[in-house]
């Protein structure tokens, strides 16, 4: 695996956590999903278990540990944006019928900190916690500081073929962009002009969240 931080053991431990976050894993499944040697996967998983970050379920598979609950609560308490934005995004999801997301910049990438799925059978799903590029997609362009004559930016098939999105900035009291709020879904429904269809609603929702932050 390529090192992300230069600290190999840390990168491998995070890889194990990410694999288990997707679904509980036996040791063999963990080895397959991470590509790590069996002995390394076992050593890291049992060490994470000792720290309460992983646990064993009733079938003996590695699962997320209960120690993450308190860490998650502490992180949420120190990052109120998500809970402030949640009711606004829920309303936007219900009004548009499409999937909605909230992204924040993380270095030269963007992380999805809140993702609410459409109820349509055919929908675009961005996993909560996913780390995506900044240089493609409407949300990445918003977080990169791109501006538009409108209050929103749209993208059509930029990051994934067949997917369209429209995003607007969430702005702090000093005028800085702190997040990007997005609606995304299949081009068949959002059309090749997603901004014309949902731009005003996305911009209004982003403004509501911006106001709540002040």
N, C-alpha and C. Protein backbone atom coordinates (compact mmCIF):
# COMPACT_ATOMS: atom_id res chain seq x y z
N UNK A 1 0.84 -1.19 0.00
CA UNK A 1 0.00 0.00 0.00
C UNK A 1 0.88 1.25 0.00
N UNK A 2 0.37 2.36 -0.59
CA UNK A 2 1.09 3.61 -0.57
C UNK A 2 0.89 4.27 0.79
N UNK A 3 1.99 4.82 1.32
CA UNK A 3 1.89 5.51 2.61
C UNK A 3 1.24 6.87 2.42
N UNK A 4 0.29 7.17 3.29
CA UNK A 4 -0.39 8.46 3.24
C UNK A 4 0.35 9.48 4.10
N UNK A 5 0.79 9.05 5.27
CA UNK A 5 1.40 9.97 6.23
C UNK A 5 2.90 9.82 6.35
N UNK A 6 3.43 8.72 5.84
CA UNK A 6 4.84 8.43 6.05
C UNK A 6 5.07 7.60 7.30
N UNK A 7 4.01 7.39 8.08
CA UNK A 7 4.07 6.53 9.27
C UNK A 7 3.33 5.25 8.92
N UNK A 8 4.10 4.26 8.44
CA UNK A 8 3.50 3.07 7.86
C UNK A 8 2.54 2.34 8.76
N UNK A 9 2.89 2.15 10.03
CA UNK A 9 2.03 1.38 10.92
C UNK A 9 0.71 2.10 11.15
N UNK A 10 0.74 3.43 11.19
CA UNK A 10 -0.49 4.20 11.38
C UNK A 10 -1.38 4.08 10.15
N UNK A 11 -0.79 4.20 8.96
CA UNK A 11 -1.56 4.06 7.73
C UNK A 11 -2.21 2.68 7.64
N UNK A 12 -1.49 1.65 8.05
CA UNK A 12 -2.04 0.30 8.00
C UNK A 12 -3.15 0.11 9.02
N UNK A 13 -2.99 0.70 10.20
CA UNK A 13 -4.04 0.61 11.22
C UNK A 13 -5.31 1.29 10.74
N UNK A 14 -5.17 2.45 10.11
CA UNK A 14 -6.34 3.15 9.57
C UNK A 14 -6.99 2.33 8.47
N UNK A 15 -6.18 1.67 7.64
CA UNK A 15 -6.70 0.80 6.59
C UNK A 15 -7.56 -0.31 7.18
N UNK A 16 -7.11 -0.88 8.29
CA UNK A 16 -7.88 -1.92 8.98
C UNK A 16 -9.19 -1.35 9.50
N UNK A 17 -9.14 -0.17 10.12
CA UNK A 17 -10.35 0.46 10.64
C UNK A 17 -11.35 0.74 9.52
N UNK A 18 -10.86 1.22 8.39
CA UNK A 18 -11.74 1.53 7.27
C UNK A 18 -12.40 0.27 6.72
N UNK A 19 -11.65 -0.82 6.69
CA UNK A 19 -12.22 -2.07 6.20
C UNK A 19 -13.34 -2.55 7.12
N UNK A 20 -13.11 -2.49 8.42
CA UNK A 20 -14.11 -2.94 9.38
C UNK A 20 -15.31 -2.00 9.41
N UNK A 21 -15.07 -0.71 9.13
CA UNK A 21 -16.18 0.25 9.09
C UNK A 21 -17.16 -0.10 7.98
N UNK A 22 -16.67 -0.71 6.91
CA UNK A 22 -17.55 -1.11 5.80
C UNK A 22 -18.45 -2.26 6.21
N UNK A 23 -17.88 -3.23 6.91
CA UNK A 23 -18.64 -4.40 7.38
C UNK A 23 -17.77 -5.19 8.33
N UNK A 24 -18.37 -5.90 9.31
CA UNK A 24 -17.57 -6.76 10.19
C UNK A 24 -16.77 -7.77 9.36
N UNK A 25 -15.55 -8.08 9.80
CA UNK A 25 -14.65 -8.91 9.00
C UNK A 25 -14.06 -10.05 9.83
N UNK A 26 -13.99 -11.21 9.21
CA UNK A 26 -13.13 -12.26 9.76
C UNK A 26 -11.70 -11.86 9.45
N UNK A 27 -10.74 -12.56 10.02
CA UNK A 27 -9.35 -12.24 9.74
C UNK A 27 -9.05 -12.42 8.25
N UNK A 28 -9.59 -13.48 7.66
CA UNK A 28 -9.37 -13.71 6.23
C UNK A 28 -9.95 -12.60 5.39
N UNK A 29 -11.15 -12.14 5.73
CA UNK A 29 -11.78 -11.04 4.99
C UNK A 29 -11.01 -9.75 5.17
N UNK A 30 -10.48 -9.56 6.37
CA UNK A 30 -9.69 -8.36 6.64
C UNK A 30 -8.41 -8.37 5.81
N UNK A 31 -7.80 -9.52 5.72
CA UNK A 31 -6.58 -9.65 4.92
C UNK A 31 -6.87 -9.35 3.45
N UNK A 32 -7.99 -9.90 2.95
CA UNK A 32 -8.34 -9.70 1.55
C UNK A 32 -8.67 -8.23 1.25
N UNK A 33 -9.45 -7.60 2.13
CA UNK A 33 -9.90 -6.24 1.85
C UNK A 33 -8.79 -5.22 2.01
N UNK A 34 -7.82 -5.49 2.87
CA UNK A 34 -6.73 -4.53 3.07
C UNK A 34 -5.50 -4.82 2.22
N UNK A 35 -5.34 -6.08 1.82
CA UNK A 35 -4.14 -6.46 1.09
C UNK A 35 -2.92 -6.62 1.97
N UNK A 36 -3.14 -6.59 3.29
CA UNK A 36 -2.03 -6.75 4.23
C UNK A 36 -1.71 -8.23 4.45
N UNK A 37 -0.48 -8.55 4.79
CA UNK A 37 -0.17 -9.94 5.17
C UNK A 37 -1.04 -10.35 6.35
N UNK A 38 -1.35 -11.64 6.41
CA UNK A 38 -2.26 -12.13 7.45
C UNK A 38 -1.74 -11.80 8.86
N UNK A 39 -0.45 -11.98 9.07
CA UNK A 39 0.11 -11.73 10.40
C UNK A 39 0.02 -10.24 10.76
N UNK A 40 0.23 -9.38 9.78
CA UNK A 40 0.14 -7.93 10.03
C UNK A 40 -1.29 -7.53 10.33
N UNK A 41 -2.24 -8.04 9.54
CA UNK A 41 -3.65 -7.72 9.76
C UNK A 41 -4.09 -8.17 11.15
N UNK A 42 -3.64 -9.38 11.55
CA UNK A 42 -4.02 -9.90 12.86
C UNK A 42 -3.40 -9.07 13.98
N UNK A 43 -2.14 -8.71 13.84
CA UNK A 43 -1.46 -7.93 14.88
C UNK A 43 -2.13 -6.56 15.07
N UNK A 44 -2.43 -5.90 13.97
CA UNK A 44 -3.05 -4.58 14.05
C UNK A 44 -4.47 -4.67 14.61
N UNK A 45 -5.24 -5.65 14.14
CA UNK A 45 -6.63 -5.77 14.58
C UNK A 45 -6.71 -6.07 16.08
N UNK A 46 -5.85 -6.97 16.55
CA UNK A 46 -5.90 -7.30 17.98
C UNK A 46 -5.38 -6.15 18.84
N UNK A 47 -4.44 -5.37 18.31
CA UNK A 47 -3.97 -4.19 19.04
C UNK A 47 -5.07 -3.13 19.13
N UNK A 48 -5.78 -2.92 18.03
CA UNK A 48 -6.89 -1.97 18.03
C UNK A 48 -8.01 -2.46 18.96
N UNK A 49 -8.17 -3.78 19.02
CA UNK A 49 -9.16 -4.35 19.94
C UNK A 49 -8.76 -4.07 21.39
N UNK A 50 -7.49 -4.17 21.69
CA UNK A 50 -7.03 -3.91 23.06
C UNK A 50 -7.27 -2.47 23.48
N UNK A 51 -7.28 -1.57 22.52
CA UNK A 51 -7.53 -0.15 22.80
C UNK A 51 -9.02 0.20 22.74
N UNK A 52 -9.87 -0.78 22.48
CA UNK A 52 -11.30 -0.54 22.43
C UNK A 52 -11.79 0.06 21.13
N UNK A 53 -10.91 0.14 20.12
CA UNK A 53 -11.31 0.71 18.83
C UNK A 53 -11.91 -0.34 17.91
N UNK A 54 -11.62 -1.60 18.17
CA UNK A 54 -12.28 -2.73 17.52
C UNK A 54 -12.77 -3.67 18.62
N UNK A 55 -13.68 -4.56 18.26
CA UNK A 55 -14.18 -5.58 19.18
C UNK A 55 -14.52 -6.81 18.36
N UNK A 56 -14.84 -7.91 19.00
CA UNK A 56 -15.29 -9.11 18.31
C UNK A 56 -16.81 -9.22 18.48
N UNK A 57 -17.52 -9.53 17.38
CA UNK A 57 -18.96 -9.73 17.50
C UNK A 57 -19.24 -11.17 17.91
N UNK A 58 -20.53 -11.54 17.96
CA UNK A 58 -20.91 -12.86 18.45
C UNK A 58 -20.36 -13.98 17.58
N UNK A 59 -20.03 -13.67 16.32
CA UNK A 59 -19.47 -14.68 15.41
C UNK A 59 -17.95 -14.63 15.36
N UNK A 60 -17.34 -13.81 16.22
CA UNK A 60 -15.90 -13.73 16.26
C UNK A 60 -15.28 -12.82 15.23
N UNK A 61 -16.11 -12.10 14.47
CA UNK A 61 -15.58 -11.17 13.47
C UNK A 61 -15.16 -9.86 14.13
N UNK A 62 -14.21 -9.19 13.52
CA UNK A 62 -13.80 -7.88 14.00
C UNK A 62 -14.87 -6.86 13.61
N UNK A 63 -15.27 -6.03 14.58
CA UNK A 63 -16.26 -4.99 14.34
C UNK A 63 -15.78 -3.72 15.03
N UNK A 64 -16.44 -2.60 14.76
CA UNK A 64 -16.05 -1.34 15.38
C UNK A 64 -16.23 -1.41 16.89
N UNK A 65 -15.27 -0.88 17.62
CA UNK A 65 -15.29 -0.95 19.07
C UNK A 65 -16.12 0.14 19.71
N UNK A 66 -16.58 -0.11 20.91
CA UNK A 66 -17.41 0.84 21.62
C UNK A 66 -16.62 2.06 22.08
N UNK A 67 -15.30 1.94 22.09
CA UNK A 67 -14.48 3.10 22.43
C UNK A 67 -14.64 4.22 21.43
N UNK A 68 -15.09 3.90 20.22
CA UNK A 68 -15.30 4.92 19.20
C UNK A 68 -16.52 5.79 19.50
N UNK A 69 -17.45 5.27 20.31
CA UNK A 69 -18.66 6.02 20.61
C UNK A 69 -18.32 7.33 21.32
N UNK A 70 -17.54 7.24 22.39
CA UNK A 70 -17.18 8.44 23.12
C UNK A 70 -16.32 9.38 22.28
N UNK A 71 -15.44 8.81 21.46
CA UNK A 71 -14.62 9.65 20.58
C UNK A 71 -15.49 10.38 19.57
N UNK A 72 -16.48 9.66 19.02
CA UNK A 72 -17.39 10.27 18.06
C UNK A 72 -18.21 11.38 18.69
N UNK A 73 -18.69 11.15 19.90
CA UNK A 73 -19.48 12.17 20.60
C UNK A 73 -18.63 13.40 20.88
N UNK A 74 -17.39 13.18 21.27
CA UNK A 74 -16.50 14.32 21.54
C UNK A 74 -16.21 15.10 20.27
N UNK A 75 -15.98 14.37 19.17
CA UNK A 75 -15.71 15.03 17.89
C UNK A 75 -16.92 15.85 17.44
N UNK A 76 -18.11 15.29 17.58
CA UNK A 76 -19.33 16.00 17.18
C UNK A 76 -19.54 17.25 18.02
N UNK A 77 -19.26 17.13 19.32
CA UNK A 77 -19.46 18.28 20.20
C UNK A 77 -18.51 19.42 19.86
N UNK A 78 -17.32 19.07 19.36
CA UNK A 78 -16.34 20.11 19.03
C UNK A 78 -16.46 20.56 17.58
N UNK A 79 -17.35 19.94 16.82
CA UNK A 79 -17.56 20.31 15.42
C UNK A 79 -19.07 20.40 15.19
N UNK A 80 -19.69 21.50 15.65
CA UNK A 80 -21.16 21.60 15.65
C UNK A 80 -21.79 21.77 14.28
N UNK A 81 -20.98 21.99 13.25
CA UNK A 81 -21.53 22.23 11.93
C UNK A 81 -22.49 21.15 11.49
N UNK A 82 -22.14 19.89 11.72
CA UNK A 82 -22.96 18.78 11.23
C UNK A 82 -24.35 18.81 11.83
N UNK A 83 -24.44 18.97 13.14
CA UNK A 83 -25.76 18.95 13.77
C UNK A 83 -26.55 20.21 13.46
N UNK A 84 -25.88 21.34 13.27
CA UNK A 84 -26.58 22.54 12.84
C UNK A 84 -27.15 22.37 11.43
N UNK A 85 -26.39 21.67 10.59
CA UNK A 85 -26.80 21.52 9.19
C UNK A 85 -27.82 20.40 8.97
N UNK A 86 -27.85 19.41 9.86
CA UNK A 86 -28.66 18.23 9.62
C UNK A 86 -30.14 18.54 9.30
N UNK A 87 -30.86 19.33 10.11
CA UNK A 87 -32.27 19.57 9.77
C UNK A 87 -32.45 20.28 8.43
N UNK A 88 -31.51 21.15 8.09
CA UNK A 88 -31.59 21.84 6.80
C UNK A 88 -31.41 20.86 5.65
N UNK A 89 -30.43 19.95 5.78
CA UNK A 89 -30.20 18.95 4.74
C UNK A 89 -31.35 17.95 4.65
N UNK A 90 -31.93 17.60 5.78
CA UNK A 90 -33.08 16.70 5.76
C UNK A 90 -34.24 17.32 4.99
N UNK A 91 -34.47 18.60 5.22
CA UNK A 91 -35.55 19.29 4.49
C UNK A 91 -35.23 19.38 3.01
N UNK A 92 -33.96 19.67 2.68
CA UNK A 92 -33.56 19.74 1.28
C UNK A 92 -33.72 18.40 0.60
N UNK A 93 -33.33 17.32 1.28
CA UNK A 93 -33.50 15.97 0.72
C UNK A 93 -34.98 15.67 0.46
N UNK A 94 -35.83 16.04 1.41
CA UNK A 94 -37.26 15.79 1.25
C UNK A 94 -37.86 16.65 0.13
N UNK A 95 -37.40 17.89 0.03
CA UNK A 95 -37.95 18.80 -0.99
C UNK A 95 -37.51 18.41 -2.40
N UNK A 96 -36.26 17.98 -2.55
CA UNK A 96 -35.75 17.66 -3.89
C UNK A 96 -35.96 16.20 -4.26
N UNK A 97 -36.04 15.33 -3.24
CA UNK A 97 -36.13 13.90 -3.50
C UNK A 97 -34.80 13.28 -3.88
N UNK A 98 -33.72 14.06 -3.77
CA UNK A 98 -32.40 13.58 -4.17
C UNK A 98 -31.45 13.48 -2.97
N UNK A 99 -30.32 12.81 -3.17
CA UNK A 99 -29.32 12.68 -2.12
C UNK A 99 -28.66 14.04 -1.87
N UNK A 100 -28.35 14.31 -0.61
CA UNK A 100 -27.70 15.56 -0.25
C UNK A 100 -26.47 15.27 0.59
N UNK A 101 -25.48 16.14 0.50
CA UNK A 101 -24.23 15.95 1.23
C UNK A 101 -23.70 17.28 1.74
N UNK A 102 -22.87 17.19 2.78
CA UNK A 102 -22.14 18.33 3.29
C UNK A 102 -20.66 17.95 3.30
N UNK A 103 -19.83 18.77 2.66
CA UNK A 103 -18.40 18.51 2.55
C UNK A 103 -17.60 19.61 3.23
N UNK A 104 -16.48 19.24 3.82
CA UNK A 104 -15.52 20.23 4.33
C UNK A 104 -14.16 19.93 3.70
N UNK A 105 -13.37 20.97 3.62
CA UNK A 105 -12.02 20.79 3.04
C UNK A 105 -11.10 20.14 4.06
N UNK A 106 -10.28 19.22 3.59
CA UNK A 106 -9.30 18.56 4.44
C UNK A 106 -8.01 18.48 3.64
N UNK A 107 -7.14 19.46 3.84
CA UNK A 107 -5.92 19.53 3.05
C UNK A 107 -6.25 19.80 1.60
N UNK A 108 -5.73 18.94 0.73
CA UNK A 108 -6.02 19.11 -0.70
C UNK A 108 -7.12 18.16 -1.16
N UNK A 109 -7.97 17.73 -0.21
CA UNK A 109 -9.11 16.89 -0.53
C UNK A 109 -10.36 17.42 0.18
N UNK A 110 -11.47 16.74 0.03
CA UNK A 110 -12.70 17.12 0.73
C UNK A 110 -13.30 15.88 1.37
N UNK A 111 -13.86 16.08 2.56
CA UNK A 111 -14.44 14.96 3.28
C UNK A 111 -15.95 15.18 3.42
N UNK A 112 -16.70 14.11 3.17
CA UNK A 112 -18.15 14.16 3.35
C UNK A 112 -18.45 13.94 4.84
N UNK A 113 -18.96 14.97 5.51
CA UNK A 113 -19.23 14.88 6.94
C UNK A 113 -20.70 14.59 7.23
N UNK A 114 -21.55 14.71 6.21
CA UNK A 114 -22.96 14.37 6.37
C UNK A 114 -23.51 13.95 5.02
N UNK A 115 -24.17 12.81 4.96
CA UNK A 115 -24.71 12.29 3.71
C UNK A 115 -26.09 11.70 3.98
N UNK A 116 -27.10 12.21 3.29
CA UNK A 116 -28.47 11.73 3.42
C UNK A 116 -28.93 11.22 2.05
N UNK A 117 -29.37 9.98 1.99
CA UNK A 117 -29.67 9.35 0.72
C UNK A 117 -31.09 9.65 0.23
N UNK A 118 -31.22 9.72 -1.08
CA UNK A 118 -32.52 9.80 -1.72
C UNK A 118 -33.30 8.51 -1.47
N UNK A 119 -34.61 8.61 -1.55
CA UNK A 119 -35.44 7.41 -1.41
C UNK A 119 -35.64 6.71 -2.74
N UNK A 120 -35.16 7.30 -3.84
CA UNK A 120 -35.27 6.66 -5.15
C UNK A 120 -34.44 5.38 -5.19
N UNK A 121 -34.94 4.39 -5.91
CA UNK A 121 -34.17 3.16 -6.08
C UNK A 121 -32.86 3.43 -6.79
N UNK A 122 -32.90 4.28 -7.83
CA UNK A 122 -31.69 4.69 -8.54
C UNK A 122 -31.24 6.01 -7.93
N UNK A 123 -30.12 5.97 -7.19
CA UNK A 123 -29.66 7.16 -6.50
C UNK A 123 -28.14 7.16 -6.43
N UNK A 124 -27.59 8.32 -6.15
CA UNK A 124 -26.16 8.47 -6.00
C UNK A 124 -25.84 8.50 -4.52
N UNK A 125 -24.95 7.61 -4.09
CA UNK A 125 -24.62 7.50 -2.67
C UNK A 125 -23.17 7.91 -2.46
N UNK A 126 -22.97 8.88 -1.57
CA UNK A 126 -21.63 9.25 -1.13
C UNK A 126 -21.50 8.80 0.32
N UNK A 127 -20.64 7.86 0.61
CA UNK A 127 -20.52 7.38 2.00
C UNK A 127 -20.09 8.50 2.94
N UNK A 128 -20.75 8.59 4.08
CA UNK A 128 -20.35 9.58 5.07
C UNK A 128 -18.93 9.24 5.54
N UNK A 129 -18.08 10.23 5.55
CA UNK A 129 -16.68 10.02 5.90
C UNK A 129 -15.77 9.87 4.68
N UNK A 130 -16.36 9.73 3.49
CA UNK A 130 -15.56 9.54 2.28
C UNK A 130 -14.67 10.75 2.02
N UNK A 131 -13.46 10.49 1.54
CA UNK A 131 -12.49 11.53 1.20
C UNK A 131 -12.40 11.57 -0.32
N UNK A 132 -12.70 12.72 -0.90
CA UNK A 132 -12.79 12.86 -2.35
C UNK A 132 -11.90 14.00 -2.82
N UNK A 133 -11.61 14.03 -4.13
CA UNK A 133 -10.73 15.09 -4.65
C UNK A 133 -11.40 16.46 -4.66
N UNK A 134 -10.56 17.48 -4.64
CA UNK A 134 -11.06 18.86 -4.70
C UNK A 134 -11.24 19.36 -6.12
N UNK A 135 -10.48 18.78 -7.05
CA UNK A 135 -10.42 19.38 -8.38
C UNK A 135 -11.54 18.97 -9.32
N UNK A 136 -12.41 18.05 -8.89
CA UNK A 136 -13.55 17.66 -9.72
C UNK A 136 -14.80 17.59 -8.85
N UNK A 137 -15.94 17.85 -9.47
CA UNK A 137 -17.20 17.85 -8.74
C UNK A 137 -17.53 19.23 -8.23
N UNK A 138 -18.81 19.55 -8.19
CA UNK A 138 -19.22 20.91 -7.81
C UNK A 138 -18.80 21.26 -6.39
N UNK A 139 -18.89 20.32 -5.45
CA UNK A 139 -18.51 20.62 -4.07
C UNK A 139 -17.03 20.90 -3.95
N UNK A 140 -16.20 20.13 -4.65
CA UNK A 140 -14.77 20.36 -4.62
C UNK A 140 -14.42 21.73 -5.17
N UNK A 141 -15.11 22.12 -6.22
CA UNK A 141 -14.83 23.43 -6.82
C UNK A 141 -15.26 24.56 -5.90
N UNK A 142 -16.38 24.38 -5.18
CA UNK A 142 -16.81 25.38 -4.20
C UNK A 142 -15.75 25.54 -3.12
N UNK A 143 -15.26 24.40 -2.59
CA UNK A 143 -14.27 24.45 -1.51
C UNK A 143 -12.91 24.94 -1.99
N UNK A 144 -12.67 24.87 -3.28
CA UNK A 144 -11.42 25.38 -3.85
C UNK A 144 -11.47 26.89 -4.04
N UNK A 145 -12.64 27.48 -3.81
CA UNK A 145 -12.78 28.93 -3.92
C UNK A 145 -13.31 29.40 -5.26
N UNK A 146 -13.73 28.48 -6.12
CA UNK A 146 -14.28 28.90 -7.40
C UNK A 146 -15.56 29.70 -7.17
N UNK A 147 -15.72 30.74 -7.94
CA UNK A 147 -16.92 31.58 -7.83
C UNK A 147 -17.73 31.51 -9.11
N UNK A 148 -18.95 31.96 -9.01
CA UNK A 148 -19.87 31.91 -10.15
C UNK A 148 -20.78 33.12 -10.11
N UNK A 149 -21.33 33.47 -11.26
CA UNK A 149 -22.31 34.56 -11.29
C UNK A 149 -23.55 34.19 -10.49
N UNK A 150 -23.83 32.89 -10.41
CA UNK A 150 -24.93 32.42 -9.59
C UNK A 150 -24.42 32.16 -8.18
N UNK A 151 -25.29 31.75 -7.27
CA UNK A 151 -24.88 31.43 -5.91
C UNK A 151 -24.49 29.96 -5.78
N UNK A 152 -24.43 29.26 -6.90
CA UNK A 152 -24.16 27.83 -6.88
C UNK A 152 -23.25 27.46 -8.04
N UNK A 153 -22.68 26.25 -7.97
CA UNK A 153 -21.85 25.69 -9.03
C UNK A 153 -22.37 24.31 -9.35
N UNK A 154 -22.46 23.98 -10.63
CA UNK A 154 -22.96 22.68 -11.04
C UNK A 154 -21.86 21.87 -11.71
N UNK A 155 -22.03 20.55 -11.72
CA UNK A 155 -21.12 19.67 -12.45
C UNK A 155 -21.92 18.53 -13.05
N UNK A 156 -21.49 18.08 -14.22
CA UNK A 156 -22.18 17.02 -14.94
C UNK A 156 -21.15 15.98 -15.35
N UNK A 157 -21.17 14.83 -14.68
CA UNK A 157 -20.27 13.74 -15.02
C UNK A 157 -18.81 14.04 -14.81
N UNK A 158 -18.47 14.97 -13.94
CA UNK A 158 -17.05 15.32 -13.75
C UNK A 158 -16.29 14.24 -13.01
N UNK A 159 -16.82 13.80 -11.88
CA UNK A 159 -16.10 12.80 -11.09
C UNK A 159 -16.56 11.39 -11.40
N UNK A 160 -17.85 11.23 -11.66
CA UNK A 160 -18.42 9.93 -11.99
C UNK A 160 -19.34 10.08 -13.19
N UNK A 161 -19.17 9.26 -14.23
CA UNK A 161 -20.06 9.33 -15.38
C UNK A 161 -21.51 9.08 -14.96
N UNK A 162 -22.41 9.85 -15.53
CA UNK A 162 -23.83 9.65 -15.25
C UNK A 162 -24.35 10.35 -14.02
N UNK A 163 -23.47 11.08 -13.31
CA UNK A 163 -23.87 11.75 -12.07
C UNK A 163 -23.76 13.27 -12.25
N UNK A 164 -24.79 13.98 -11.79
CA UNK A 164 -24.78 15.44 -11.82
C UNK A 164 -24.92 15.94 -10.39
N UNK A 165 -24.44 17.15 -10.15
CA UNK A 165 -24.57 17.73 -8.82
C UNK A 165 -24.60 19.24 -8.91
N UNK A 166 -25.12 19.84 -7.86
CA UNK A 166 -25.08 21.30 -7.73
C UNK A 166 -24.76 21.60 -6.27
N UNK A 167 -23.83 22.54 -6.05
CA UNK A 167 -23.35 22.83 -4.70
C UNK A 167 -23.30 24.34 -4.46
N UNK A 168 -23.40 24.70 -3.18
CA UNK A 168 -23.30 26.10 -2.78
C UNK A 168 -22.47 26.19 -1.51
N UNK A 169 -21.82 27.33 -1.29
CA UNK A 169 -20.94 27.47 -0.14
C UNK A 169 -21.68 27.79 1.16
N UNK A 170 -21.19 27.20 2.24
CA UNK A 170 -21.59 27.59 3.60
C UNK A 170 -20.50 28.54 4.08
N UNK A 171 -20.91 29.73 4.50
CA UNK A 171 -19.96 30.81 4.77
C UNK A 171 -19.99 31.22 6.23
N UNK A 172 -18.82 31.42 6.81
CA UNK A 172 -18.72 31.85 8.21
C UNK A 172 -18.97 33.35 8.32
N UNK A 173 -18.98 33.85 9.53
CA UNK A 173 -19.26 35.27 9.76
C UNK A 173 -18.19 36.17 9.15
N UNK A 174 -16.97 35.66 8.97
CA UNK A 174 -15.91 36.48 8.37
C UNK A 174 -15.84 36.34 6.86
N UNK A 175 -16.82 35.61 6.29
CA UNK A 175 -16.89 35.48 4.84
C UNK A 175 -16.13 34.30 4.26
N UNK A 176 -15.50 33.50 5.09
CA UNK A 176 -14.76 32.34 4.59
C UNK A 176 -15.67 31.16 4.30
N UNK A 177 -15.33 30.38 3.29
CA UNK A 177 -16.11 29.19 2.95
C UNK A 177 -15.70 28.06 3.88
N UNK A 178 -16.63 27.57 4.70
CA UNK A 178 -16.32 26.51 5.67
C UNK A 178 -16.83 25.15 5.24
N UNK A 179 -17.75 25.12 4.27
CA UNK A 179 -18.31 23.85 3.81
C UNK A 179 -18.99 24.06 2.47
N UNK A 180 -19.28 22.94 1.83
CA UNK A 180 -20.05 22.96 0.59
C UNK A 180 -21.26 22.05 0.76
N UNK A 181 -22.42 22.55 0.45
CA UNK A 181 -23.66 21.79 0.56
C UNK A 181 -24.08 21.39 -0.85
N UNK A 182 -24.43 20.12 -1.03
CA UNK A 182 -24.66 19.59 -2.38
C UNK A 182 -25.93 18.77 -2.49
N UNK A 183 -26.50 18.80 -3.68
CA UNK A 183 -27.51 17.83 -4.12
C UNK A 183 -26.90 17.08 -5.28
N UNK A 184 -27.00 15.75 -5.27
CA UNK A 184 -26.43 14.96 -6.37
C UNK A 184 -27.34 13.81 -6.72
N UNK A 185 -27.22 13.35 -7.95
CA UNK A 185 -28.05 12.23 -8.39
C UNK A 185 -27.82 11.93 -9.86
N UNK A 186 -28.55 10.96 -10.40
CA UNK A 186 -28.38 10.58 -11.80
C UNK A 186 -28.74 11.73 -12.73
N UNK A 187 -27.97 11.86 -13.80
CA UNK A 187 -28.24 12.89 -14.80
C UNK A 187 -29.65 12.75 -15.36
N UNK A 188 -30.15 11.52 -15.41
CA UNK A 188 -31.50 11.30 -15.95
C UNK A 188 -32.56 12.10 -15.20
N UNK A 189 -32.33 12.31 -13.90
CA UNK A 189 -33.31 13.09 -13.12
C UNK A 189 -32.87 14.54 -12.93
N UNK A 190 -31.57 14.75 -12.65
CA UNK A 190 -31.12 16.11 -12.42
C UNK A 190 -30.95 16.89 -13.71
N UNK A 191 -30.89 16.18 -14.84
CA UNK A 191 -30.69 16.72 -16.18
C UNK A 191 -29.27 17.27 -16.32
N UNK A 192 -28.97 17.78 -17.51
CA UNK A 192 -27.65 18.35 -17.75
C UNK A 192 -27.59 19.82 -17.33
N UNK A 193 -28.63 20.27 -16.69
CA UNK A 193 -28.62 21.62 -16.10
C UNK A 193 -29.15 21.52 -14.67
N UNK A 194 -28.40 20.81 -13.79
CA UNK A 194 -28.89 20.61 -12.43
C UNK A 194 -29.07 21.91 -11.66
N UNK A 195 -28.27 22.91 -12.02
CA UNK A 195 -28.40 24.20 -11.35
C UNK A 195 -29.72 24.87 -11.63
N UNK A 196 -30.19 24.72 -12.85
CA UNK A 196 -31.49 25.31 -13.19
C UNK A 196 -32.59 24.66 -12.38
N UNK A 197 -32.44 23.36 -12.11
CA UNK A 197 -33.49 22.64 -11.39
C UNK A 197 -33.40 22.85 -9.88
N UNK A 198 -32.19 22.77 -9.32
CA UNK A 198 -32.07 22.77 -7.86
C UNK A 198 -31.14 23.85 -7.30
N UNK A 199 -30.54 24.66 -8.16
CA UNK A 199 -29.57 25.64 -7.69
C UNK A 199 -30.11 26.58 -6.63
N UNK A 200 -31.30 27.11 -6.86
CA UNK A 200 -31.88 28.07 -5.91
C UNK A 200 -32.13 27.41 -4.56
N UNK A 201 -32.61 26.18 -4.57
CA UNK A 201 -32.91 25.47 -3.32
C UNK A 201 -31.62 25.16 -2.56
N UNK A 202 -30.58 24.76 -3.28
CA UNK A 202 -29.30 24.46 -2.64
C UNK A 202 -28.69 25.73 -2.05
N UNK A 203 -28.73 26.82 -2.80
CA UNK A 203 -28.18 28.08 -2.31
C UNK A 203 -28.93 28.56 -1.07
N UNK A 204 -30.26 28.42 -1.07
CA UNK A 204 -31.05 28.85 0.09
C UNK A 204 -30.72 28.00 1.31
N UNK A 205 -30.56 26.68 1.09
CA UNK A 205 -30.21 25.79 2.21
C UNK A 205 -28.84 26.15 2.77
N UNK A 206 -27.88 26.40 1.89
CA UNK A 206 -26.54 26.77 2.34
C UNK A 206 -26.58 28.08 3.12
N UNK A 207 -27.42 29.01 2.70
CA UNK A 207 -27.56 30.28 3.41
C UNK A 207 -28.14 30.06 4.81
N UNK A 208 -29.11 29.13 4.92
CA UNK A 208 -29.70 28.81 6.24
C UNK A 208 -28.63 28.28 7.19
N UNK A 209 -27.78 27.38 6.68
CA UNK A 209 -26.71 26.82 7.51
C UNK A 209 -25.71 27.92 7.88
N UNK A 210 -25.38 28.78 6.93
CA UNK A 210 -24.45 29.87 7.22
C UNK A 210 -24.99 30.76 8.34
N UNK A 211 -26.28 31.06 8.28
CA UNK A 211 -26.91 31.87 9.31
C UNK A 211 -26.86 31.20 10.67
N UNK A 212 -27.08 29.87 10.69
CA UNK A 212 -27.07 29.13 11.95
C UNK A 212 -25.68 29.14 12.60
N UNK A 213 -24.64 29.28 11.80
CA UNK A 213 -23.28 29.28 12.32
C UNK A 213 -22.90 30.59 13.01
N UNK A 214 -23.65 31.64 12.72
CA UNK A 214 -23.25 32.97 13.20
C UNK A 214 -23.82 33.28 14.57
